[in-house]
Amino acid sequence: MTIDATKKQPTTGISELQEFELEYQIRLRAYELYEKGGREDGHELDDWLRAEEEITRKKARTIAA
């Protein structure tokens, strides 16, 4: 099976740069949560999901304002 590189990918309304920036902010916040939690292993997913929720909520408030 070959992939047709000329086909346009579906857009989600967010640019690749914005997506990269969002992931970077989430990554930083998740690391802050990891440090705040005493650098205890085993909570990576919880830290990531909490960070993701905080950042996306913050962005939504900024857009709504």
N, C-alpha and C. Protein backbone atom coordinates (compact mmCIF):
# COMPACT_ATOMS: atom_id res chain seq x y z
N MET A 1 0.85 -1.18 0.00
CA MET A 1 0.00 0.00 0.00
C MET A 1 0.88 1.23 0.00
N THR A 2 0.61 2.15 -0.91
CA THR A 2 1.39 3.38 -0.97
C THR A 2 0.59 4.53 -0.41
N ILE A 3 1.30 5.49 0.12
CA ILE A 3 0.66 6.67 0.69
C ILE A 3 0.77 7.80 -0.31
N ASP A 4 -0.34 8.43 -0.62
CA ASP A 4 -0.36 9.55 -1.55
C ASP A 4 -0.02 10.82 -0.79
N ALA A 5 1.21 11.31 -0.95
CA ALA A 5 1.68 12.50 -0.22
C ALA A 5 1.00 13.77 -0.70
N THR A 6 0.32 13.71 -1.85
CA THR A 6 -0.34 14.91 -2.38
C THR A 6 -1.71 15.13 -1.75
N LYS A 7 -2.24 14.12 -1.09
CA LYS A 7 -3.54 14.28 -0.44
C LYS A 7 -3.40 15.22 0.74
N LYS A 8 -4.35 16.11 0.85
CA LYS A 8 -4.35 17.08 1.93
C LYS A 8 -4.84 16.42 3.22
N GLN A 9 -4.09 16.61 4.29
CA GLN A 9 -4.47 16.07 5.59
C GLN A 9 -5.61 16.90 6.16
N PRO A 10 -6.49 16.27 6.93
CA PRO A 10 -7.59 17.03 7.55
C PRO A 10 -7.04 18.05 8.54
N THR A 11 -7.66 19.20 8.55
CA THR A 11 -7.21 20.24 9.48
C THR A 11 -8.06 20.21 10.73
N THR A 12 -7.45 20.58 11.83
CA THR A 12 -8.15 20.58 13.11
C THR A 12 -8.34 21.99 13.62
N GLY A 13 -7.92 22.98 12.85
CA GLY A 13 -8.06 24.36 13.29
C GLY A 13 -6.90 24.82 14.14
N ILE A 14 -5.89 23.99 14.29
CA ILE A 14 -4.72 24.36 15.09
C ILE A 14 -3.48 24.08 14.25
N SER A 15 -2.62 25.06 14.17
CA SER A 15 -1.43 24.89 13.35
C SER A 15 -0.44 23.96 14.03
N GLU A 16 0.48 23.45 13.25
CA GLU A 16 1.51 22.56 13.78
C GLU A 16 2.33 23.27 14.85
N LEU A 17 2.62 24.53 14.64
CA LEU A 17 3.38 25.31 15.62
C LEU A 17 2.58 25.47 16.91
N GLN A 18 1.30 25.77 16.81
CA GLN A 18 0.46 25.90 18.00
C GLN A 18 0.37 24.58 18.75
N GLU A 19 0.27 23.50 18.00
CA GLU A 19 0.21 22.17 18.60
C GLU A 19 1.51 21.86 19.35
N PHE A 20 2.64 22.20 18.75
CA PHE A 20 3.95 22.01 19.38
C PHE A 20 4.04 22.84 20.65
N GLU A 21 3.62 24.09 20.58
CA GLU A 21 3.67 24.98 21.74
C GLU A 21 2.78 24.46 22.87
N LEU A 22 1.60 23.98 22.54
CA LEU A 22 0.69 23.44 23.53
C LEU A 22 1.31 22.23 24.23
N GLU A 23 1.87 21.32 23.44
CA GLU A 23 2.51 20.14 24.03
C GLU A 23 3.69 20.53 24.92
N TYR A 24 4.44 21.53 24.49
CA TYR A 24 5.58 22.00 25.27
C TYR A 24 5.12 22.56 26.62
N GLN A 25 4.06 23.35 26.61
CA GLN A 25 3.52 23.92 27.85
C GLN A 25 3.01 22.82 28.79
N ILE A 26 2.35 21.83 28.21
CA ILE A 26 1.85 20.71 29.01
C ILE A 26 3.02 19.94 29.61
N ARG A 27 4.05 19.71 28.80
CA ARG A 27 5.23 18.98 29.26
C ARG A 27 5.90 19.71 30.43
N LEU A 28 6.04 21.04 30.31
CA LEU A 28 6.64 21.82 31.39
C LEU A 28 5.80 21.74 32.67
N ARG A 29 4.49 21.88 32.52
CA ARG A 29 3.61 21.85 33.70
C ARG A 29 3.62 20.46 34.33
N ALA A 30 3.64 19.42 33.51
CA ALA A 30 3.68 18.06 34.05
C ALA A 30 4.97 17.85 34.84
N TYR A 31 6.07 18.39 34.36
CA TYR A 31 7.33 18.27 35.09
C TYR A 31 7.27 19.05 36.41
N GLU A 32 6.64 20.21 36.38
CA GLU A 32 6.46 20.98 37.63
C GLU A 32 5.67 20.16 38.64
N LEU A 33 4.62 19.50 38.18
CA LEU A 33 3.81 18.67 39.06
C LEU A 33 4.62 17.49 39.60
N TYR A 34 5.46 16.91 38.76
CA TYR A 34 6.35 15.83 39.17
C TYR A 34 7.29 16.29 40.28
N GLU A 35 7.87 17.47 40.09
CA GLU A 35 8.77 18.01 41.11
C GLU A 35 8.01 18.34 42.39
N LYS A 36 6.85 18.94 42.24
CA LYS A 36 6.03 19.30 43.40
C LYS A 36 5.62 18.05 44.18
N GLY A 37 5.45 16.94 43.50
CA GLY A 37 5.07 15.68 44.13
C GLY A 37 6.25 14.93 44.71
N GLY A 38 7.40 15.59 44.82
CA GLY A 38 8.57 14.96 45.42
C GLY A 38 9.34 14.06 44.47
N ARG A 39 9.16 14.27 43.17
CA ARG A 39 9.82 13.48 42.13
C ARG A 39 9.56 11.98 42.30
N GLU A 40 8.37 11.68 42.72
CA GLU A 40 7.98 10.28 42.93
C GLU A 40 7.54 9.67 41.60
N ASP A 41 8.16 8.57 41.24
CA ASP A 41 7.81 7.89 39.99
C ASP A 41 6.45 7.21 40.10
N GLY A 42 5.87 6.93 38.95
CA GLY A 42 4.62 6.20 38.90
C GLY A 42 3.38 7.06 38.73
N HIS A 43 3.57 8.38 38.62
CA HIS A 43 2.42 9.28 38.49
C HIS A 43 2.48 10.07 37.18
N GLU A 44 3.23 9.55 36.22
CA GLU A 44 3.44 10.28 34.97
C GLU A 44 2.13 10.61 34.26
N LEU A 45 1.27 9.63 34.15
CA LEU A 45 0.01 9.85 33.44
C LEU A 45 -0.87 10.84 34.20
N ASP A 46 -0.94 10.69 35.51
CA ASP A 46 -1.73 11.62 36.31
C ASP A 46 -1.20 13.05 36.16
N ASP A 47 0.12 13.21 36.23
CA ASP A 47 0.73 14.53 36.08
C ASP A 47 0.45 15.10 34.70
N TRP A 48 0.57 14.25 33.67
CA TRP A 48 0.33 14.72 32.30
C TRP A 48 -1.13 15.15 32.11
N LEU A 49 -2.04 14.32 32.57
CA LEU A 49 -3.46 14.64 32.38
C LEU A 49 -3.87 15.88 33.16
N ARG A 50 -3.34 16.03 34.36
CA ARG A 50 -3.64 17.23 35.15
C ARG A 50 -3.08 18.47 34.45
N ALA A 51 -1.85 18.36 33.97
CA ALA A 51 -1.22 19.49 33.27
C ALA A 51 -2.00 19.83 32.01
N GLU A 52 -2.40 18.82 31.26
CA GLU A 52 -3.16 19.03 30.04
C GLU A 52 -4.48 19.74 30.34
N GLU A 53 -5.15 19.31 31.38
CA GLU A 53 -6.43 19.93 31.76
C GLU A 53 -6.22 21.38 32.18
N GLU A 54 -5.19 21.64 32.98
CA GLU A 54 -4.91 23.01 33.44
C GLU A 54 -4.59 23.94 32.27
N ILE A 55 -3.73 23.48 31.38
CA ILE A 55 -3.30 24.32 30.25
C ILE A 55 -4.46 24.57 29.29
N THR A 56 -5.22 23.54 28.96
CA THR A 56 -6.33 23.74 28.01
C THR A 56 -7.43 24.60 28.63
N ARG A 57 -7.66 24.45 29.93
CA ARG A 57 -8.65 25.30 30.60
C ARG A 57 -8.19 26.76 30.58
N LYS A 58 -6.91 26.96 30.83
CA LYS A 58 -6.34 28.31 30.83
C LYS A 58 -6.46 28.94 29.44
N LYS A 59 -6.17 28.16 28.40
CA LYS A 59 -6.28 28.66 27.03
C LYS A 59 -7.73 28.98 26.67
N ALA A 60 -8.66 28.14 27.12
CA ALA A 60 -10.08 28.37 26.82
C ALA A 60 -10.55 29.66 27.48
N ARG A 61 -10.11 29.92 28.70
CA ARG A 61 -10.49 31.17 29.38
C ARG A 61 -9.92 32.38 28.64
N THR A 62 -8.70 32.24 28.14
CA THR A 62 -8.06 33.35 27.41
C THR A 62 -8.83 33.64 26.13
N ILE A 63 -9.26 32.60 25.43
CA ILE A 63 -10.00 32.78 24.19
C ILE A 63 -11.37 33.38 24.46
N ALA A 64 -12.02 32.96 25.54
CA ALA A 64 -13.36 33.44 25.88
C ALA A 64 -13.36 34.89 26.35
N ALA A 65 -12.23 35.34 26.87
CA ALA A 65 -12.16 36.72 27.41
C ALA A 65 -12.09 37.77 26.35
